[in-house]
Amino acid sequence: MVAKVESTGIGIEKGLAAIRKYAEANDLELGDDLWQFNIGINIERLGLTIDSILAYAITDNEL
């Protein structure tokens, strides 16, 4: 499951909340690890681009 976010504290928080909300609404269980990927090559600050992708693996909640 992925969400495109603005690489700011607020942007990341909004993205995480959207992922959690979608997972709960669709009875999905998220894995423990979060990945954050830069979009593009123009690094702005702290090693981040303006936008990023947040990603979680979806686990099988039947196990």
C-alpha atoms as a PDB file:
ATOM      1  CA  MET A   1       0.000   0.000   0.000  1.00  0.00           C
ATOM      2  CA  VAL A   2       1.467   3.355  -0.984  1.00  0.00           C
ATOM      3  CA  ALA A   3       0.682   7.053  -0.638  1.00  0.00           C
ATOM      4  CA  LYS A   4       2.312  10.005  -2.370  1.00  0.00           C
ATOM      5  CA  VAL A   5       3.075  12.722   0.183  1.00  0.00           C
ATOM      6  CA  GLU A   6       4.775  16.068   0.551  1.00  0.00           C
ATOM      7  CA  SER A   7       8.092  15.509   2.373  1.00  0.00           C
ATOM      8  CA  THR A   8       7.164  17.553   5.431  1.00  0.00           C
ATOM      9  CA  GLY A   9       6.102  16.463   8.883  1.00  0.00           C
ATOM     10  CA  ILE A  10       2.501  17.383   8.148  1.00  0.00           C
ATOM     11  CA  GLY A  11       2.579  15.756   4.708  1.00  0.00           C
ATOM     12  CA  ILE A  12       3.953  12.500   6.088  1.00  0.00           C
ATOM     13  CA  GLU A  13       1.433  12.476   8.957  1.00  0.00           C
ATOM     14  CA  LYS A  14      -1.445  12.980   6.485  1.00  0.00           C
ATOM     15  CA  GLY A  15      -0.133  10.150   4.308  1.00  0.00           C
ATOM     16  CA  LEU A  16       0.199   7.769   7.245  1.00  0.00           C
ATOM     17  CA  ALA A  17      -3.315   8.623   8.426  1.00  0.00           C
ATOM     18  CA  ALA A  18      -4.706   8.013   4.919  1.00  0.00           C
ATOM     19  CA  ILE A  19      -2.963   4.631   4.717  1.00  0.00           C
ATOM     20  CA  ARG A  20      -4.274   3.584   8.153  1.00  0.00           C
ATOM     21  CA  LYS A  21      -7.807   4.741   7.322  1.00  0.00           C
ATOM     22  CA  TYR A  22      -7.832   2.849   4.018  1.00  0.00           C
ATOM     23  CA  ALA A  23      -6.432  -0.294   5.637  1.00  0.00           C
ATOM     24  CA  GLU A  24      -9.052  -0.225   8.406  1.00  0.00           C
ATOM     25  CA  ALA A  25     -11.924   0.438   5.976  1.00  0.00           C
ATOM     26  CA  ASN A  26     -10.849  -2.510   3.807  1.00  0.00           C
ATOM     27  CA  ASP A  27      -9.929  -4.918   6.627  1.00  0.00           C
ATOM     28  CA  LEU A  28      -6.265  -4.970   5.632  1.00  0.00           C
ATOM     29  CA  GLU A  29      -3.366  -5.557   7.985  1.00  0.00           C
ATOM     30  CA  LEU A  30      -0.186  -3.566   7.421  1.00  0.00           C
ATOM     31  CA  GLY A  31       3.309  -4.936   7.930  1.00  0.00           C
ATOM     32  CA  ASP A  32       5.677  -3.520  10.536  1.00  0.00           C
ATOM     33  CA  ASP A  33       8.092  -1.760   8.170  1.00  0.00           C
ATOM     34  CA  LEU A  34       7.532   1.621   6.541  1.00  0.00           C
ATOM     35  CA  TRP A  35       9.523   2.607   3.455  1.00  0.00           C
ATOM     36  CA  GLN A  36       9.921   6.161   2.217  1.00  0.00           C
ATOM     37  CA  PHE A  37      11.079   6.733  -1.349  1.00  0.00           C
ATOM     38  CA  ASN A  38      12.124  10.020  -2.921  1.00  0.00           C
ATOM     39  CA  ILE A  39      10.389  11.053  -6.138  1.00  0.00           C
ATOM     40  CA  GLY A  40      12.799  12.593  -8.612  1.00  0.00           C
ATOM     41  CA  ILE A  41      16.431  13.634  -8.305  1.00  0.00           C
ATOM     42  CA  ASN A  42      16.263  17.168  -6.913  1.00  0.00           C
ATOM     43  CA  ILE A  43      17.186  16.841  -3.247  1.00  0.00           C
ATOM     44  CA  GLU A  44      15.777  19.783  -1.292  1.00  0.00           C
ATOM     45  CA  ARG A  45      16.773  19.235   2.332  1.00  0.00           C
ATOM     46  CA  LEU A  46      17.623  16.416   4.730  1.00  0.00           C
ATOM     47  CA  GLY A  47      18.188  14.090   1.781  1.00  0.00           C
ATOM     48  CA  LEU A  48      14.561  14.363   0.654  1.00  0.00           C
ATOM     49  CA  THR A  49      12.871  15.485  -2.523  1.00  0.00           C
ATOM     50  CA  ILE A  50       9.782  17.716  -2.378  1.00  0.00           C
ATOM     51  CA  ASP A  51       7.476  14.685  -2.712  1.00  0.00           C
ATOM     52  CA  SER A  52       7.932  11.145  -1.465  1.00  0.00           C
ATOM     53  CA  ILE A  53       6.130   7.834  -1.543  1.00  0.00           C
ATOM     54  CA  LEU A  54       5.316   6.046   1.715  1.00  0.00           C
ATOM     55  CA  ALA A  55       4.867   2.283   1.439  1.00  0.00           C
ATOM     56  CA  TYR A  56       3.779  -0.535   3.725  1.00  0.00           C
ATOM     57  CA  ALA A  57       3.486  -4.218   2.876  1.00  0.00           C
ATOM     58  CA  ILE A  58       0.033  -5.689   3.338  1.00  0.00           C
ATOM     59  CA  THR A  59       0.147  -8.858   5.413  1.00  0.00           C
ATOM     60  CA  ASP A  60      -2.325 -11.729   5.438  1.00  0.00           C
ATOM     61  CA  ASN A  61      -4.526 -11.083   8.460  1.00  0.00           C
ATOM     62  CA  GLU A  62      -5.895 -14.625   8.225  1.00  0.00           C
ATOM     63  CA  LEU A  63      -2.612 -16.186   9.482  1.00  0.00           C
END
